[in-house]
Amino acid sequence: EEVAVEEEEEELLGRVFVIGQVANPGAFEFSQDNPLSALQAL
């Protein structure tokens, strides 16, 4: 889990999960200010 830091309070993180027939299934985090697309997650 990300440790809350005062300087980064405004930068909220999101997490998506990729499972199934992929090389490296797992969880991937991204910034709400820099959204992740389906292609990027794959």
PDB file of all heavy atoms in Angstrom:
ATOM      1  N   GLU A   1       0.841  -1.196   0.000  1.00  0.00           N
ATOM      2  CA  GLU A   1       0.000   0.000   0.000  1.00  0.00           C
ATOM      3  C   GLU A   1       0.875   1.244   0.000  1.00  0.00           C
ATOM      4  O   GLU A   1       1.906   1.310   0.659  1.00  0.00           O
ATOM      5  CB  GLU A   1      -0.906   0.013   1.241  1.00  0.00           C
ATOM      6  CG  GLU A   1      -1.884  -1.148   1.291  1.00  0.00           C
ATOM      7  CD  GLU A   1      -2.890  -1.082   0.155  1.00  0.00           C
ATOM      8  OE1 GLU A   1      -3.159   0.030  -0.331  1.00  0.00           O
ATOM      9  OE2 GLU A   1      -3.393  -2.137  -0.242  1.00  0.00           O
ATOM     10  N   GLU A   2       0.445   2.234  -0.758  1.00  0.00           N
ATOM     11  CA  GLU A   2       1.183   3.485  -0.825  1.00  0.00           C
ATOM     12  C   GLU A   2       1.089   4.203   0.504  1.00  0.00           C
ATOM     13  O   GLU A   2       0.040   4.282   1.136  1.00  0.00           O
ATOM     14  CB  GLU A   2       0.607   4.390  -1.929  1.00  0.00           C
ATOM     15  CG  GLU A   2       0.822   3.839  -3.317  1.00  0.00           C
ATOM     16  CD  GLU A   2       2.277   3.854  -3.720  1.00  0.00           C
ATOM     17  OE1 GLU A   2       2.998   4.753  -3.255  1.00  0.00           O
ATOM     18  OE2 GLU A   2       2.682   2.968  -4.482  1.00  0.00           O
ATOM     19  N   VAL A   3       2.233   4.727   0.994  1.00  0.00           N
ATOM     20  CA  VAL A   3       2.272   5.512   2.220  1.00  0.00           C
ATOM     21  C   VAL A   3       1.876   6.941   1.887  1.00  0.00           C
ATOM     22  O   VAL A   3       2.416   7.550   0.966  1.00  0.00           O
ATOM     23  CB  VAL A   3       3.681   5.490   2.844  1.00  0.00           C
ATOM     24  CG1 VAL A   3       3.696   6.342   4.113  1.00  0.00           C
ATOM     25  CG2 VAL A   3       4.107   4.066   3.139  1.00  0.00           C
ATOM     26  N   ALA A   4       0.930   7.475   2.633  1.00  0.00           N
ATOM     27  CA  ALA A   4       0.460   8.841   2.379  1.00  0.00           C
ATOM     28  C   ALA A   4       1.557   9.839   2.692  1.00  0.00           C
ATOM     29  O   ALA A   4       2.167   9.815   3.760  1.00  0.00           O
ATOM     30  CB  ALA A   4      -0.770   9.128   3.235  1.00  0.00           C
ATOM     31  N   VAL A   5       1.820  10.734   1.774  1.00  0.00           N
ATOM     32  CA  VAL A   5       2.804  11.795   1.953  1.00  0.00           C
ATOM     33  C   VAL A   5       2.106  13.114   1.710  1.00  0.00           C
ATOM     34  O   VAL A   5       1.357  13.256   0.745  1.00  0.00           O
ATOM     35  CB  VAL A   5       3.985  11.637   0.947  1.00  0.00           C
ATOM     36  CG1 VAL A   5       5.005  12.741   1.156  1.00  0.00           C
ATOM     37  CG2 VAL A   5       4.628  10.264   1.106  1.00  0.00           C
ATOM     38  N   GLU A   6       2.330  14.090   2.585  1.00  0.00           N
ATOM     39  CA  GLU A   6       1.617  15.355   2.502  1.00  0.00           C
ATOM     40  C   GLU A   6       1.790  16.019   1.152  1.00  0.00           C
ATOM     41  O   GLU A   6       0.853  16.575   0.591  1.00  0.00           O
ATOM     42  CB  GLU A   6       2.101  16.306   3.613  1.00  0.00           C
ATOM     43  CG  GLU A   6       1.699  15.850   5.004  1.00  0.00           C
ATOM     44  CD  GLU A   6       2.093  16.855   6.053  1.00  0.00           C
ATOM     45  OE1 GLU A   6       2.642  17.912   5.665  1.00  0.00           O
ATOM     46  OE2 GLU A   6       1.862  16.599   7.243  1.00  0.00           O
ATOM     47  N   GLU A   7       3.011  15.950   0.592  1.00  0.00           N
ATOM     48  CA  GLU A   7       3.262  16.611  -0.686  1.00  0.00           C
ATOM     49  C   GLU A   7       2.500  15.948  -1.830  1.00  0.00           C
ATOM     50  O   GLU A   7       2.330  16.550  -2.891  1.00  0.00           O
ATOM     51  CB  GLU A   7       4.765  16.601  -1.012  1.00  0.00           C
ATOM     52  CG  GLU A   7       5.617  17.445  -0.084  1.00  0.00           C
ATOM     53  CD  GLU A   7       5.892  16.706   1.218  1.00  0.00           C
ATOM     54  OE1 GLU A   7       5.534  15.514   1.302  1.00  0.00           O
ATOM     55  OE2 GLU A   7       6.453  17.318   2.138  1.00  0.00           O
ATOM     56  N   GLU A   8       2.064  14.681  -1.644  1.00  0.00           N
ATOM     57  CA  GLU A   8       1.425  13.967  -2.735  1.00  0.00           C
ATOM     58  C   GLU A   8      -0.038  13.678  -2.443  1.00  0.00           C
ATOM     59  O   GLU A   8      -0.646  12.817  -3.066  1.00  0.00           O
ATOM     60  CB  GLU A   8       2.167  12.646  -2.987  1.00  0.00           C
ATOM     61  CG  GLU A   8       3.629  12.849  -3.382  1.00  0.00           C
ATOM     62  CD  GLU A   8       4.330  11.523  -3.610  1.00  0.00           C
ATOM     63  OE1 GLU A   8       3.692  10.472  -3.375  1.00  0.00           O
ATOM     64  OE2 GLU A   8       5.497  11.533  -4.005  1.00  0.00           O
ATOM     65  N   GLU A   9      -0.623  14.392  -1.485  1.00  0.00           N
ATOM     66  CA  GLU A   9      -2.004  14.144  -1.105  1.00  0.00           C
ATOM     67  C   GLU A   9      -2.967  14.357  -2.265  1.00  0.00           C
ATOM     68  O   GLU A   9      -3.989  13.685  -2.375  1.00  0.00           O
ATOM     69  CB  GLU A   9      -2.403  15.041   0.072  1.00  0.00           C
ATOM     70  CG  GLU A   9      -1.826  14.553   1.400  1.00  0.00           C
ATOM     71  CD  GLU A   9      -2.308  15.410   2.540  1.00  0.00           C
ATOM     72  OE1 GLU A   9      -2.904  16.480   2.273  1.00  0.00           O
ATOM     73  OE2 GLU A   9      -2.085  15.037   3.701  1.00  0.00           O
ATOM     74  N   GLU A  10      -2.628  15.308  -3.152  1.00  0.00           N
ATOM     75  CA  GLU A  10      -3.533  15.627  -4.244  1.00  0.00           C
ATOM     76  C   GLU A  10      -3.430  14.629  -5.388  1.00  0.00           C
ATOM     77  O   GLU A  10      -4.288  14.578  -6.249  1.00  0.00           O
ATOM     78  CB  GLU A  10      -3.254  17.042  -4.753  1.00  0.00           C
ATOM     79  CG  GLU A  10      -3.529  18.116  -3.703  1.00  0.00           C
ATOM     80  CD  GLU A  10      -3.268  19.503  -4.240  1.00  0.00           C
ATOM     81  OE1 GLU A  10      -2.849  19.600  -5.412  1.00  0.00           O
ATOM     82  OE2 GLU A  10      -3.456  20.468  -3.502  1.00  0.00           O
ATOM     83  N   GLU A  11      -2.346  13.838  -5.391  1.00  0.00           N
ATOM     84  CA  GLU A  11      -2.149  12.877  -6.480  1.00  0.00           C
ATOM     85  C   GLU A  11      -2.724  11.528  -6.078  1.00  0.00           C
ATOM     86  O   GLU A  11      -2.054  10.679  -5.506  1.00  0.00           O
ATOM     87  CB  GLU A  11      -0.659  12.734  -6.806  1.00  0.00           C
ATOM     88  CG  GLU A  11      -0.404  11.840  -8.017  1.00  0.00           C
ATOM     89  CD  GLU A  11       1.076  11.674  -8.284  1.00  0.00           C
ATOM     90  OE1 GLU A  11       1.885  12.195  -7.522  1.00  0.00           O
ATOM     91  OE2 GLU A  11       1.396  10.997  -9.264  1.00  0.00           O
ATOM     92  N   LEU A  12      -3.997  11.301  -6.359  1.00  0.00           N
ATOM     93  CA  LEU A  12      -4.660  10.061  -5.995  1.00  0.00           C
ATOM     94  C   LEU A  12      -4.238   8.956  -6.950  1.00  0.00           C
ATOM     95  O   LEU A  12      -4.080   9.176  -8.145  1.00  0.00           O
ATOM     96  CB  LEU A  12      -6.180  10.248  -6.042  1.00  0.00           C
ATOM     97  CG  LEU A  12      -6.740  11.322  -5.115  1.00  0.00           C
ATOM     98  CD1 LEU A  12      -8.237  11.464  -5.327  1.00  0.00           C
ATOM     99  CD2 LEU A  12      -6.431  11.004  -3.666  1.00  0.00           C
ATOM    100  N   LEU A  13      -4.067   7.767  -6.408  1.00  0.00           N
ATOM    101  CA  LEU A  13      -3.651   6.640  -7.234  1.00  0.00           C
ATOM    102  C   LEU A  13      -4.819   5.691  -7.475  1.00  0.00           C
ATOM    103  O   LEU A  13      -5.670   5.506  -6.610  1.00  0.00           O
ATOM    104  CB  LEU A  13      -2.507   5.877  -6.562  1.00  0.00           C
ATOM    105  CG  LEU A  13      -1.167   6.605  -6.448  1.00  0.00           C
ATOM    106  CD1 LEU A  13      -0.173   5.737  -5.689  1.00  0.00           C
ATOM    107  CD2 LEU A  13      -0.617   6.945  -7.822  1.00  0.00           C
ATOM    108  N   GLY A  14      -4.836   5.108  -8.666  1.00  0.00           N
ATOM    109  CA  GLY A  14      -5.820   4.078  -8.980  1.00  0.00           C
ATOM    110  C   GLY A  14      -5.094   2.783  -9.262  1.00  0.00           C
ATOM    111  O   GLY A  14      -3.883   2.779  -9.496  1.00  0.00           O
ATOM    112  N   ARG A  15      -5.827   1.678  -9.237  1.00  0.00           N
ATOM    113  CA  ARG A  15      -5.213   0.383  -9.493  1.00  0.00           C
ATOM    114  C   ARG A  15      -6.150  -0.452 -10.357  1.00  0.00           C
ATOM    115  O   ARG A  15      -7.338  -0.537 -10.083  1.00  0.00           O
ATOM    116  CB  ARG A  15      -4.929  -0.343  -8.176  1.00  0.00           C
ATOM    117  CG  ARG A  15      -4.294  -1.713  -8.334  1.00  0.00           C
ATOM    118  CD  ARG A  15      -4.040  -2.352  -6.992  1.00  0.00           C
ATOM    119  NE  ARG A  15      -3.082  -1.598  -6.216  1.00  0.00           N
ATOM    120  CZ  ARG A  15      -2.833  -1.807  -4.923  1.00  0.00           C
ATOM    121  NH1 ARG A  15      -3.497  -2.745  -4.284  1.00  0.00           N
ATOM    122  NH2 ARG A  15      -1.941  -1.092  -4.294  1.00  0.00           N
ATOM    123  N   VAL A  16      -5.604  -1.046 -11.416  1.00  0.00           N
ATOM    124  CA  VAL A  16      -6.382  -1.940 -12.271  1.00  0.00           C
ATOM    125  C   VAL A  16      -5.708  -3.306 -12.272  1.00  0.00           C
ATOM    126  O   VAL A  16      -4.520  -3.428 -11.958  1.00  0.00           O
ATOM    127  CB  VAL A  16      -6.487  -1.401 -13.718  1.00  0.00           C
ATOM    128  CG1 VAL A  16      -7.216  -0.069 -13.746  1.00  0.00           C
ATOM    129  CG2 VAL A  16      -5.108  -1.274 -14.359  1.00  0.00           C
ATOM    130  N   PHE A  17      -6.479  -4.319 -12.633  1.00  0.00           N
ATOM    131  CA  PHE A  17      -5.992  -5.694 -12.612  1.00  0.00           C
ATOM    132  C   PHE A  17      -6.131  -6.295 -14.002  1.00  0.00           C
ATOM    133  O   PHE A  17      -7.142  -6.102 -14.668  1.00  0.00           O
ATOM    134  CB  PHE A  17      -6.788  -6.525 -11.606  1.00  0.00           C
ATOM    135  CG  PHE A  17      -6.751  -5.979 -10.210  1.00  0.00           C
ATOM    136  CD1 PHE A  17      -7.609  -4.962  -9.828  1.00  0.00           C
ATOM    137  CD2 PHE A  17      -5.852  -6.469  -9.277  1.00  0.00           C
ATOM    138  CE1 PHE A  17      -7.583  -4.446  -8.540  1.00  0.00           C
ATOM    139  CE2 PHE A  17      -5.815  -5.965  -7.984  1.00  0.00           C
ATOM    140  CZ  PHE A  17      -6.682  -4.951  -7.616  1.00  0.00           C
ATOM    141  N   VAL A  18      -5.095  -7.015 -14.437  1.00  0.00           N
ATOM    142  CA  VAL A  18      -5.126  -7.701 -15.736  1.00  0.00           C
ATOM    143  C   VAL A  18      -4.907  -9.186 -15.467  1.00  0.00           C
ATOM    144  O   VAL A  18      -3.902  -9.579 -14.868  1.00  0.00           O
ATOM    145  CB  VAL A  18      -4.047  -7.180 -16.690  1.00  0.00           C
ATOM    146  CG1 VAL A  18      -4.177  -7.849 -18.055  1.00  0.00           C
ATOM    147  CG2 VAL A  18      -4.146  -5.665 -16.844  1.00  0.00           C
ATOM    148  N   ILE A  19      -5.862 -10.011 -15.897  1.00  0.00           N
ATOM    149  CA  ILE A  19      -5.777 -11.447 -15.638  1.00  0.00           C
ATOM    150  C   ILE A  19      -6.069 -12.232 -16.919  1.00  0.00           C
ATOM    151  O   ILE A  19      -6.558 -11.677 -17.899  1.00  0.00           O
ATOM    152  CB  ILE A  19      -6.770 -11.879 -14.541  1.00  0.00           C
ATOM    153  CG1 ILE A  19      -8.219 -11.597 -14.982  1.00  0.00           C
ATOM    154  CG2 ILE A  19      -6.485 -11.168 -13.238  1.00  0.00           C
ATOM    155  CD1 ILE A  19      -9.262 -12.076 -13.985  1.00  0.00           C
ATOM    156  N   GLY A  20      -5.754 -13.513 -16.886  1.00  0.00           N
ATOM    157  CA  GLY A  20      -6.041 -14.360 -18.041  1.00  0.00           C
ATOM    158  C   GLY A  20      -4.829 -14.612 -18.910  1.00  0.00           C
ATOM    159  O   GLY A  20      -3.695 -14.722 -18.420  1.00  0.00           O
ATOM    160  N   GLN A  21      -5.038 -14.633 -20.217  1.00  0.00           N
ATOM    161  CA  GLN A  21      -4.015 -15.003 -21.190  1.00  0.00           C
ATOM    162  C   GLN A  21      -3.098 -13.826 -21.538  1.00  0.00           C
ATOM    163  O   GLN A  21      -3.102 -13.295 -22.646  1.00  0.00           O
ATOM    164  CB  GLN A  21      -4.663 -15.556 -22.459  1.00  0.00           C
ATOM    165  CG  GLN A  21      -5.359 -16.891 -22.260  1.00  0.00           C
ATOM    166  CD  GLN A  21      -4.380 -17.992 -21.885  1.00  0.00           C
ATOM    167  OE1 GLN A  21      -3.347 -18.156 -22.526  1.00  0.00           O
ATOM    168  NE2 GLN A  21      -4.690 -18.747 -20.851  1.00  0.00           N
ATOM    169  N   VAL A  22      -2.312 -13.402 -20.543  1.00  0.00           N
ATOM    170  CA  VAL A  22      -1.292 -12.376 -20.745  1.00  0.00           C
ATOM    171  C   VAL A  22       0.012 -12.880 -20.157  1.00  0.00           C
ATOM    172  O   VAL A  22       0.017 -13.818 -19.352  1.00  0.00           O
ATOM    173  CB  VAL A  22      -1.687 -11.030 -20.080  1.00  0.00           C
ATOM    174  CG1 VAL A  22      -2.861 -10.392 -20.800  1.00  0.00           C
ATOM    175  CG2 VAL A  22      -2.002 -11.220 -18.597  1.00  0.00           C
ATOM    176  N   ALA A  23       1.118 -12.244 -20.549  1.00  0.00           N
ATOM    177  CA  ALA A  23       2.426 -12.721 -20.107  1.00  0.00           C
ATOM    178  C   ALA A  23       2.644 -12.506 -18.609  1.00  0.00           C
ATOM    179  O   ALA A  23       3.215 -13.357 -17.928  1.00  0.00           O
ATOM    180  CB  ALA A  23       3.527 -12.013 -20.904  1.00  0.00           C
ATOM    181  N   ASN A  24       2.197 -11.354 -18.094  1.00  0.00           N
ATOM    182  CA  ASN A  24       2.444 -11.015 -16.693  1.00  0.00           C
ATOM    183  C   ASN A  24       1.178 -10.512 -16.019  1.00  0.00           C
ATOM    184  O   ASN A  24       0.988  -9.304 -15.859  1.00  0.00           O
ATOM    185  CB  ASN A  24       3.543  -9.944 -16.595  1.00  0.00           C
ATOM    186  CG  ASN A  24       4.840 -10.377 -17.239  1.00  0.00           C
ATOM    187  OD1 ASN A  24       5.421 -11.385 -16.868  1.00  0.00           O
ATOM    188  ND2 ASN A  24       5.300  -9.615 -18.220  1.00  0.00           N
ATOM    189  N   PRO A  25       0.269 -11.400 -15.621  1.00  0.00           N
ATOM    190  CA  PRO A  25      -0.945 -10.945 -14.933  1.00  0.00           C
ATOM    191  C   PRO A  25      -0.590 -10.272 -13.620  1.00  0.00           C
ATOM    192  O   PRO A  25       0.396 -10.625 -12.969  1.00  0.00           O
ATOM    193  CB  PRO A  25      -1.719 -12.249 -14.711  1.00  0.00           C
ATOM    194  CG  PRO A  25      -0.677 -13.319 -14.716  1.00  0.00           C
ATOM    195  CD  PRO A  25       0.358 -12.869 -15.688  1.00  0.00           C
ATOM    196  N   GLY A  26      -1.382  -9.284 -13.233  1.00  0.00           N
ATOM    197  CA  GLY A  26      -1.095  -8.601 -11.978  1.00  0.00           C
ATOM    198  C   GLY A  26      -1.872  -7.308 -11.842  1.00  0.00           C
ATOM    199  O   GLY A  26      -2.782  -7.004 -12.623  1.00  0.00           O
ATOM    200  N   ALA A  27      -1.504  -6.536 -10.817  1.00  0.00           N
ATOM    201  CA  ALA A  27      -2.141  -5.251 -10.535  1.00  0.00           C
ATOM    202  C   ALA A  27      -1.203  -4.126 -10.977  1.00  0.00           C
ATOM    203  O   ALA A  27       0.016  -4.210 -10.792  1.00  0.00           O
ATOM    204  CB  ALA A  27      -2.436  -5.132  -9.044  1.00  0.00           C
ATOM    205  N   PHE A  28      -1.772  -3.079 -11.562  1.00  0.00           N
ATOM    206  CA  PHE A  28      -0.975  -1.966 -12.070  1.00  0.00           C
ATOM    207  C   PHE A  28      -1.586  -0.644 -11.586  1.00  0.00           C
ATOM    208  O   PHE A  28      -2.790  -0.432 -11.704  1.00  0.00           O
ATOM    209  CB  PHE A  28      -0.925  -1.997 -13.599  1.00  0.00           C
ATOM    210  CG  PHE A  28      -0.378  -3.292 -14.144  1.00  0.00           C
ATOM    211  CD1 PHE A  28      -1.233  -4.323 -14.509  1.00  0.00           C
ATOM    212  CD2 PHE A  28       0.987  -3.488 -14.247  1.00  0.00           C
ATOM    213  CE1 PHE A  28      -0.747  -5.532 -14.984  1.00  0.00           C
ATOM    214  CE2 PHE A  28       1.494  -4.702 -14.724  1.00  0.00           C
ATOM    215  CZ  PHE A  28       0.625  -5.718 -15.095  1.00  0.00           C
ATOM    216  N   GLU A  29      -0.735   0.213 -11.028  1.00  0.00           N
ATOM    217  CA  GLU A  29      -1.203   1.477 -10.468  1.00  0.00           C
ATOM    218  C   GLU A  29      -1.016   2.623 -11.457  1.00  0.00           C
ATOM    219  O   GLU A  29      -0.149   2.575 -12.336  1.00  0.00           O
ATOM    220  CB  GLU A  29      -0.470   1.781  -9.173  1.00  0.00           C
ATOM    221  CG  GLU A  29      -0.819   0.830  -8.040  1.00  0.00           C
ATOM    222  CD  GLU A  29      -0.196   1.244  -6.723  1.00  0.00           C
ATOM    223  OE1 GLU A  29       0.780   2.014  -6.748  1.00  0.00           O
ATOM    224  OE2 GLU A  29      -0.688   0.800  -5.668  1.00  0.00           O
ATOM    225  N   PHE A  30      -1.840   3.645 -11.303  1.00  0.00           N
ATOM    226  CA  PHE A  30      -1.728   4.826 -12.160  1.00  0.00           C
ATOM    227  C   PHE A  30      -2.215   6.038 -11.388  1.00  0.00           C
ATOM    228  O   PHE A  30      -2.907   5.922 -10.378  1.00  0.00           O
ATOM    229  CB  PHE A  30      -2.545   4.642 -13.451  1.00  0.00           C
ATOM    230  CG  PHE A  30      -4.037   4.493 -13.211  1.00  0.00           C
ATOM    231  CD1 PHE A  30      -4.882   5.595 -13.279  1.00  0.00           C
ATOM    232  CD2 PHE A  30      -4.590   3.257 -12.918  1.00  0.00           C
ATOM    233  CE1 PHE A  30      -6.245   5.467 -13.054  1.00  0.00           C
ATOM    234  CE2 PHE A  30      -5.954   3.114 -12.698  1.00  0.00           C
ATOM    235  CZ  PHE A  30      -6.785   4.222 -12.771  1.00  0.00           C
ATOM    236  N   SER A  31      -1.834   7.206 -11.886  1.00  0.00           N
ATOM    237  CA  SER A  31      -2.269   8.457 -11.269  1.00  0.00           C
ATOM    238  C   SER A  31      -3.592   8.884 -11.878  1.00  0.00           C
ATOM    239  O   SER A  31      -3.811   8.739 -13.081  1.00  0.00           O
ATOM    240  CB  SER A  31      -1.207   9.545 -11.502  1.00  0.00           C
ATOM    241  OG  SER A  31      -1.733  10.816 -11.187  1.00  0.00           O
ATOM    242  N   GLN A  32      -4.470   9.431 -11.035  1.00  0.00           N
ATOM    243  CA  GLN A  32      -5.747   9.919 -11.543  1.00  0.00           C
ATOM    244  C   GLN A  32      -5.525  11.068 -12.532  1.00  0.00           C
ATOM    245  O   GLN A  32      -6.364  11.323 -13.395  1.00  0.00           O
ATOM    246  CB  GLN A  32      -6.633  10.397 -10.384  1.00  0.00           C
ATOM    247  CG  GLN A  32      -6.966   9.284  -9.381  1.00  0.00           C
ATOM    248  CD  GLN A  32      -7.967   8.289  -9.924  1.00  0.00           C
ATOM    249  OE1 GLN A  32      -8.258   8.272 -11.112  1.00  0.00           O
ATOM    250  NE2 GLN A  32      -8.489   7.437  -9.065  1.00  0.00           N
ATOM    251  N   ASP A  33      -4.397  11.753 -12.403  1.00  0.00           N
ATOM    252  CA  ASP A  33      -4.081  12.835 -13.334  1.00  0.00           C
ATOM    253  C   ASP A  33      -3.504  12.311 -14.649  1.00  0.00           C
ATOM    254  O   ASP A  33      -3.347  13.057 -15.609  1.00  0.00           O
ATOM    255  CB  ASP A  33      -3.070  13.808 -12.697  1.00  0.00           C
ATOM    256  CG  ASP A  33      -3.643  14.511 -11.476  1.00  0.00           C
ATOM    257  OD1 ASP A  33      -4.874  14.720 -11.448  1.00  0.00           O
ATOM    258  OD2 ASP A  33      -2.876  14.833 -10.561  1.00  0.00           O
ATOM    259  N   ASN A  34      -3.157  11.048 -14.657  1.00  0.00           N
ATOM    260  CA  ASN A  34      -2.581  10.439 -15.859  1.00  0.00           C
ATOM    261  C   ASN A  34      -3.254   9.081 -16.084  1.00  0.00           C
ATOM    262  O   ASN A  34      -2.680   8.031 -15.825  1.00  0.00           O
ATOM    263  CB  ASN A  34      -1.073  10.267 -15.691  1.00  0.00           C
ATOM    264  CG  ASN A  34      -0.408   9.806 -16.977  1.00  0.00           C
ATOM    265  OD1 ASN A  34      -0.956   9.969 -18.070  1.00  0.00           O
ATOM    266  ND2 ASN A  34       0.757   9.205 -16.846  1.00  0.00           N
ATOM    267  N   PRO A  35      -4.521   9.086 -16.570  1.00  0.00           N
ATOM    268  CA  PRO A  35      -5.309   7.849 -16.690  1.00  0.00           C
ATOM    269  C   PRO A  35      -4.608   6.798 -17.547  1.00  0.00           C
ATOM    270  O   PRO A  35      -3.800   7.098 -18.418  1.00  0.00           O
ATOM    271  CB  PRO A  35      -6.609   8.326 -17.355  1.00  0.00           C
ATOM    272  CG  PRO A  35      -6.669   9.786 -17.077  1.00  0.00           C
ATOM    273  CD  PRO A  35      -5.253  10.256 -17.060  1.00  0.00           C
ATOM    274  N   LEU A  36      -4.961   5.562 -17.264  1.00  0.00           N
ATOM    275  CA  LEU A  36      -4.404   4.414 -17.981  1.00  0.00           C
ATOM    276  C   LEU A  36      -5.466   3.881 -18.934  1.00  0.00           C
ATOM    277  O   LEU A  36      -6.625   3.727 -18.560  1.00  0.00           O
ATOM    278  CB  LEU A  36      -4.010   3.336 -16.971  1.00  0.00           C
ATOM    279  CG  LEU A  36      -3.065   2.219 -17.416  1.00  0.00           C
ATOM    280  CD1 LEU A  36      -1.702   2.794 -17.747  1.00  0.00           C
ATOM    281  CD2 LEU A  36      -2.943   1.192 -16.290  1.00  0.00           C
ATOM    282  N   SER A  37      -5.081   3.617 -20.179  1.00  0.00           N
ATOM    283  CA  SER A  37      -6.026   3.050 -21.139  1.00  0.00           C
ATOM    284  C   SER A  37      -5.936   1.535 -21.121  1.00  0.00           C
ATOM    285  O   SER A  37      -4.999   0.952 -20.561  1.00  0.00           O
ATOM    286  CB  SER A  37      -5.717   3.559 -22.554  1.00  0.00           C
ATOM    287  OG  SER A  37      -4.528   2.964 -23.050  1.00  0.00           O
ATOM    288  N   ALA A  38      -6.903   0.883 -21.746  1.00  0.00           N
ATOM    289  CA  ALA A  38      -6.902  -0.577 -21.810  1.00  0.00           C
ATOM    290  C   ALA A  38      -5.654  -1.090 -22.534  1.00  0.00           C
ATOM    291  O   ALA A  38      -5.042  -2.077 -22.113  1.00  0.00           O
ATOM    292  CB  ALA A  38      -8.160  -1.062 -22.512  1.00  0.00           C
ATOM    293  N   LEU A  39      -5.266  -0.429 -23.608  1.00  0.00           N
ATOM    294  CA  LEU A  39      -4.081  -0.851 -24.345  1.00  0.00           C
ATOM    295  C   LEU A  39      -2.822  -0.722 -23.499  1.00  0.00           C
ATOM    296  O   LEU A  39      -1.940  -1.590 -23.526  1.00  0.00           O
ATOM    297  CB  LEU A  39      -3.931  -0.006 -25.625  1.00  0.00           C
ATOM    298  CG  LEU A  39      -4.766  -0.438 -26.832  1.00  0.00           C
ATOM    299  CD1 LEU A  39      -4.529   0.505 -27.999  1.00  0.00           C
ATOM    300  CD2 LEU A  39      -4.435  -1.868 -27.233  1.00  0.00           C
ATOM    301  N   GLN A  40      -2.725   0.375 -22.735  1.00  0.00           N
ATOM    302  CA  GLN A  40      -1.553   0.569 -21.890  1.00  0.00           C
ATOM    303  C   GLN A  40      -1.484  -0.493 -20.800  1.00  0.00           C
ATOM    304  O   GLN A  40      -0.412  -1.022 -20.502  1.00  0.00           O
ATOM    305  CB  GLN A  40      -1.596   1.964 -21.270  1.00  0.00           C
ATOM    306  CG  GLN A  40      -1.352   3.081 -22.278  1.00  0.00           C
ATOM    307  CD  GLN A  40      -1.618   4.464 -21.697  1.00  0.00           C
ATOM    308  OE1 GLN A  40      -2.510   4.634 -20.860  1.00  0.00           O
ATOM    309  NE2 GLN A  40      -0.850   5.450 -22.124  1.00  0.00           N
ATOM    310  N   ALA A  41      -2.638  -0.808 -20.212  1.00  0.00           N
ATOM    311  CA  ALA A  41      -2.674  -1.828 -19.165  1.00  0.00           C
ATOM    312  C   ALA A  41      -2.275  -3.189 -19.720  1.00  0.00           C
ATOM    313  O   ALA A  41      -1.521  -3.938 -19.089  1.00  0.00           O
ATOM    314  CB  ALA A  41      -4.066  -1.893 -18.546  1.00  0.00           C
ATOM    315  N   LEU A  42      -2.758  -3.508 -20.918  1.00  0.00           N
ATOM    316  CA  LEU A  42      -2.396  -4.779 -21.542  1.00  0.00           C
ATOM    317  C   LEU A  42      -0.903  -4.816 -21.875  1.00  0.00           C
ATOM    318  O   LEU A  42      -0.251  -5.861 -21.757  1.00  0.00           O
ATOM    319  CB  LEU A  42      -3.225  -4.995 -22.806  1.00  0.00           C
ATOM    320  CG  LEU A  42      -4.696  -5.360 -22.579  1.00  0.00           C
ATOM    321  CD1 LEU A  42      -5.482  -5.281 -23.885  1.00  0.00           C
ATOM    322  CD2 LEU A  42      -4.813  -6.753 -21.974  1.00  0.00           C
TER     323      LEU A  42
END
